[in-house]
Amino acid sequence: MPRYEYRCRTCGDTFELSRPMAESSAPATCPSGHDDTVKLLSTVAVGGSVSAPAPQASGGGGGGGCCGGGCCG
């Protein structure tokens, strides 16, 4: 179930709620009981790194990669 982050406009607390996507825009009450809250936009961080080689232009009209003669010798 997705987690959504909210901030209370009354006390300034930031809190998270797990709720179905269908309820993502439903009002949320802060842990202190205030109703004046706003849903925050979150960025998604994905761990790890992927290093892909840069595409190489193949000469002679080949298809690229091994089929174009780039790594077959």
N, C-alpha and C. Protein backbone atom coordinates (compact mmCIF):
# COMPACT_ATOMS: atom_id res chain seq x y z
N MET A 1 0.85 -1.16 0.00
CA MET A 1 0.00 0.00 0.00
C MET A 1 0.91 1.24 0.00
N PRO A 2 0.62 2.22 -0.85
CA PRO A 2 1.47 3.42 -0.93
C PRO A 2 1.41 4.25 0.35
N ARG A 3 2.50 4.96 0.59
CA ARG A 3 2.58 5.88 1.73
C ARG A 3 2.55 7.30 1.19
N TYR A 4 1.77 8.15 1.83
CA TYR A 4 1.64 9.54 1.43
C TYR A 4 2.08 10.43 2.57
N GLU A 5 2.76 11.52 2.24
CA GLU A 5 3.27 12.44 3.25
C GLU A 5 2.39 13.68 3.29
N TYR A 6 2.08 14.12 4.50
CA TYR A 6 1.22 15.27 4.72
C TYR A 6 1.89 16.23 5.68
N ARG A 7 1.47 17.50 5.64
CA ARG A 7 1.92 18.50 6.61
C ARG A 7 0.69 19.18 7.18
N CYS A 8 0.69 19.35 8.50
CA CYS A 8 -0.40 20.02 9.19
C CYS A 8 -0.14 21.52 9.13
N ARG A 9 -1.12 22.28 8.65
CA ARG A 9 -0.98 23.73 8.57
C ARG A 9 -1.15 24.39 9.94
N THR A 10 -1.78 23.69 10.87
CA THR A 10 -2.01 24.25 12.20
C THR A 10 -0.77 24.16 13.08
N CYS A 11 -0.20 22.95 13.19
CA CYS A 11 0.95 22.77 14.09
C CYS A 11 2.28 22.61 13.36
N GLY A 12 2.26 22.41 12.02
CA GLY A 12 3.49 22.31 11.25
C GLY A 12 4.10 20.91 11.21
N ASP A 13 3.49 19.94 11.89
CA ASP A 13 4.03 18.59 11.88
C ASP A 13 3.91 17.97 10.49
N THR A 14 4.89 17.14 10.14
CA THR A 14 4.85 16.36 8.90
C THR A 14 4.65 14.90 9.31
N PHE A 15 3.75 14.20 8.62
CA PHE A 15 3.46 12.81 8.96
C PHE A 15 3.13 12.03 7.70
N GLU A 16 3.18 10.70 7.80
CA GLU A 16 2.90 9.82 6.68
C GLU A 16 1.70 8.94 7.00
N LEU A 17 0.95 8.61 5.97
CA LEU A 17 -0.17 7.67 6.09
C LEU A 17 -0.08 6.64 4.98
N SER A 18 -0.34 5.38 5.31
CA SER A 18 -0.47 4.33 4.31
C SER A 18 -1.95 4.22 4.00
N ARG A 19 -2.29 4.37 2.73
CA ARG A 19 -3.69 4.27 2.31
C ARG A 19 -3.75 3.86 0.85
N PRO A 20 -4.87 3.29 0.43
CA PRO A 20 -5.01 2.88 -0.97
C PRO A 20 -4.93 4.11 -1.90
N MET A 21 -4.50 3.87 -3.14
CA MET A 21 -4.39 4.97 -4.10
C MET A 21 -5.72 5.66 -4.32
N ALA A 22 -6.81 4.93 -4.22
CA ALA A 22 -8.14 5.51 -4.42
C ALA A 22 -8.47 6.55 -3.34
N GLU A 23 -7.77 6.48 -2.20
CA GLU A 23 -8.01 7.43 -1.10
C GLU A 23 -6.89 8.45 -0.98
N SER A 24 -6.02 8.56 -1.97
CA SER A 24 -4.86 9.43 -1.86
C SER A 24 -5.22 10.90 -1.70
N SER A 25 -6.33 11.33 -2.25
CA SER A 25 -6.71 12.74 -2.14
C SER A 25 -7.75 12.99 -1.05
N ALA A 26 -8.10 11.95 -0.28
CA ALA A 26 -9.05 12.12 0.82
C ALA A 26 -8.41 12.96 1.93
N PRO A 27 -9.19 13.71 2.69
CA PRO A 27 -8.63 14.52 3.78
C PRO A 27 -7.92 13.65 4.81
N ALA A 28 -6.87 14.19 5.41
CA ALA A 28 -6.10 13.47 6.43
C ALA A 28 -6.08 14.32 7.70
N THR A 29 -6.14 13.67 8.83
CA THR A 29 -6.07 14.36 10.12
C THR A 29 -4.68 14.10 10.70
N CYS A 30 -4.04 15.15 11.20
CA CYS A 30 -2.69 14.99 11.76
C CYS A 30 -2.77 14.24 13.10
N PRO A 31 -1.64 13.67 13.56
CA PRO A 31 -1.63 12.91 14.81
C PRO A 31 -2.10 13.74 16.02
N SER A 32 -2.01 15.07 15.93
CA SER A 32 -2.46 15.93 17.04
C SER A 32 -3.94 16.25 16.94
N GLY A 33 -4.62 15.77 15.89
CA GLY A 33 -6.05 15.93 15.75
C GLY A 33 -6.50 17.10 14.89
N HIS A 34 -5.57 17.81 14.26
CA HIS A 34 -5.93 18.94 13.41
C HIS A 34 -6.38 18.45 12.03
N ASP A 35 -7.37 19.14 11.46
CA ASP A 35 -7.90 18.74 10.15
C ASP A 35 -7.32 19.53 8.99
N ASP A 36 -6.61 20.63 9.25
CA ASP A 36 -6.09 21.49 8.18
C ASP A 36 -4.74 20.96 7.72
N THR A 37 -4.76 19.97 6.82
CA THR A 37 -3.52 19.35 6.34
C THR A 37 -3.44 19.45 4.82
N VAL A 38 -2.24 19.29 4.32
CA VAL A 38 -1.99 19.33 2.88
C VAL A 38 -1.09 18.15 2.52
N LYS A 39 -1.41 17.49 1.40
CA LYS A 39 -0.58 16.37 0.92
C LYS A 39 0.65 16.94 0.23
N LEU A 40 1.82 16.42 0.59
CA LEU A 40 3.07 16.88 0.01
C LEU A 40 3.43 16.05 -1.21
N LEU A 41 4.12 16.65 -2.14
CA LEU A 41 4.64 15.92 -3.29
C LEU A 41 5.97 15.30 -2.89
N SER A 42 6.11 14.04 -3.15
CA SER A 42 7.32 13.32 -2.77
C SER A 42 8.09 12.91 -4.01
N THR A 43 9.40 12.84 -3.85
CA THR A 43 10.23 12.30 -4.92
C THR A 43 10.55 10.86 -4.56
N VAL A 44 10.71 10.04 -5.55
CA VAL A 44 11.01 8.64 -5.33
C VAL A 44 12.51 8.44 -5.51
N ALA A 45 13.12 7.85 -4.50
CA ALA A 45 14.55 7.55 -4.58
C ALA A 45 14.70 6.05 -4.77
N VAL A 46 15.46 5.67 -5.76
CA VAL A 46 15.72 4.26 -6.04
C VAL A 46 17.19 4.02 -5.79
N GLY A 47 17.49 3.05 -4.95
CA GLY A 47 18.88 2.76 -4.62
C GLY A 47 19.60 2.04 -5.73
N GLY A 48 20.92 2.04 -5.65
CA GLY A 48 21.74 1.36 -6.64
C GLY A 48 22.07 2.28 -7.80
N SER A 49 22.97 1.82 -8.62
CA SER A 49 23.31 2.60 -9.80
C SER A 49 23.53 1.64 -10.96
N VAL A 50 23.17 2.10 -12.10
CA VAL A 50 23.34 1.32 -13.30
C VAL A 50 24.22 2.12 -14.23
N SER A 51 25.23 1.50 -14.73
CA SER A 51 26.13 2.18 -15.65
C SER A 51 26.02 1.48 -16.99
N ALA A 52 25.42 2.16 -17.94
CA ALA A 52 25.27 1.59 -19.27
C ALA A 52 26.25 2.27 -20.21
N PRO A 53 26.86 1.52 -21.11
CA PRO A 53 27.78 2.14 -22.06
C PRO A 53 27.03 3.07 -23.01
N ALA A 54 27.69 4.10 -23.42
CA ALA A 54 27.11 5.04 -24.38
C ALA A 54 26.94 4.35 -25.72
N PRO A 55 25.87 4.66 -26.43
CA PRO A 55 25.68 4.06 -27.75
C PRO A 55 26.83 4.42 -28.69
N GLN A 56 27.23 3.46 -29.49
CA GLN A 56 28.31 3.66 -30.44
C GLN A 56 27.74 3.71 -31.85
N ALA A 57 28.21 4.65 -32.62
CA ALA A 57 27.81 4.71 -34.03
C ALA A 57 28.57 3.62 -34.77
N SER A 58 27.86 2.83 -35.56
CA SER A 58 28.56 1.79 -36.31
C SER A 58 28.75 2.27 -37.75
N GLY A 59 29.90 2.04 -38.25
CA GLY A 59 30.18 2.43 -39.62
C GLY A 59 29.79 1.32 -40.57
N GLY A 60 29.50 1.62 -41.80
CA GLY A 60 29.24 0.63 -42.81
C GLY A 60 27.82 0.14 -42.87
N GLY A 61 26.90 0.85 -42.23
CA GLY A 61 25.48 0.50 -42.34
C GLY A 61 25.07 -0.71 -41.54
N GLY A 62 25.84 -1.12 -40.54
CA GLY A 62 25.47 -2.26 -39.72
C GLY A 62 24.34 -1.89 -38.78
N GLY A 63 23.78 -2.89 -38.13
CA GLY A 63 22.67 -2.69 -37.22
C GLY A 63 23.08 -2.26 -35.83
N GLY A 64 24.35 -2.19 -35.51
CA GLY A 64 24.80 -1.81 -34.18
C GLY A 64 25.01 -3.03 -33.31
N GLY A 65 25.70 -2.85 -32.18
CA GLY A 65 25.97 -3.96 -31.28
C GLY A 65 26.79 -5.03 -31.98
N CYS A 66 26.67 -6.23 -31.53
CA CYS A 66 27.42 -7.33 -32.14
C CYS A 66 26.97 -7.62 -33.56
N CYS A 67 25.71 -7.41 -33.84
CA CYS A 67 25.21 -7.66 -35.20
C CYS A 67 25.83 -6.73 -36.21
N GLY A 68 26.24 -5.56 -35.77
CA GLY A 68 26.86 -4.61 -36.66
C GLY A 68 28.36 -4.71 -36.69
N GLY A 69 28.91 -5.73 -36.04
CA GLY A 69 30.36 -5.92 -36.05
C GLY A 69 31.08 -5.17 -34.95
N GLY A 70 30.33 -4.58 -33.99
CA GLY A 70 30.96 -3.78 -32.95
C GLY A 70 31.78 -4.59 -31.97
N CYS A 71 31.37 -5.83 -31.65
CA CYS A 71 32.12 -6.60 -30.66
C CYS A 71 32.55 -7.97 -31.19
N CYS A 72 32.24 -8.27 -32.42
CA CYS A 72 32.68 -9.55 -33.01
C CYS A 72 33.92 -9.28 -33.84
N GLY A 73 34.85 -10.07 -33.69
CA GLY A 73 36.04 -9.73 -34.43
C GLY A 73 36.66 -10.80 -35.13
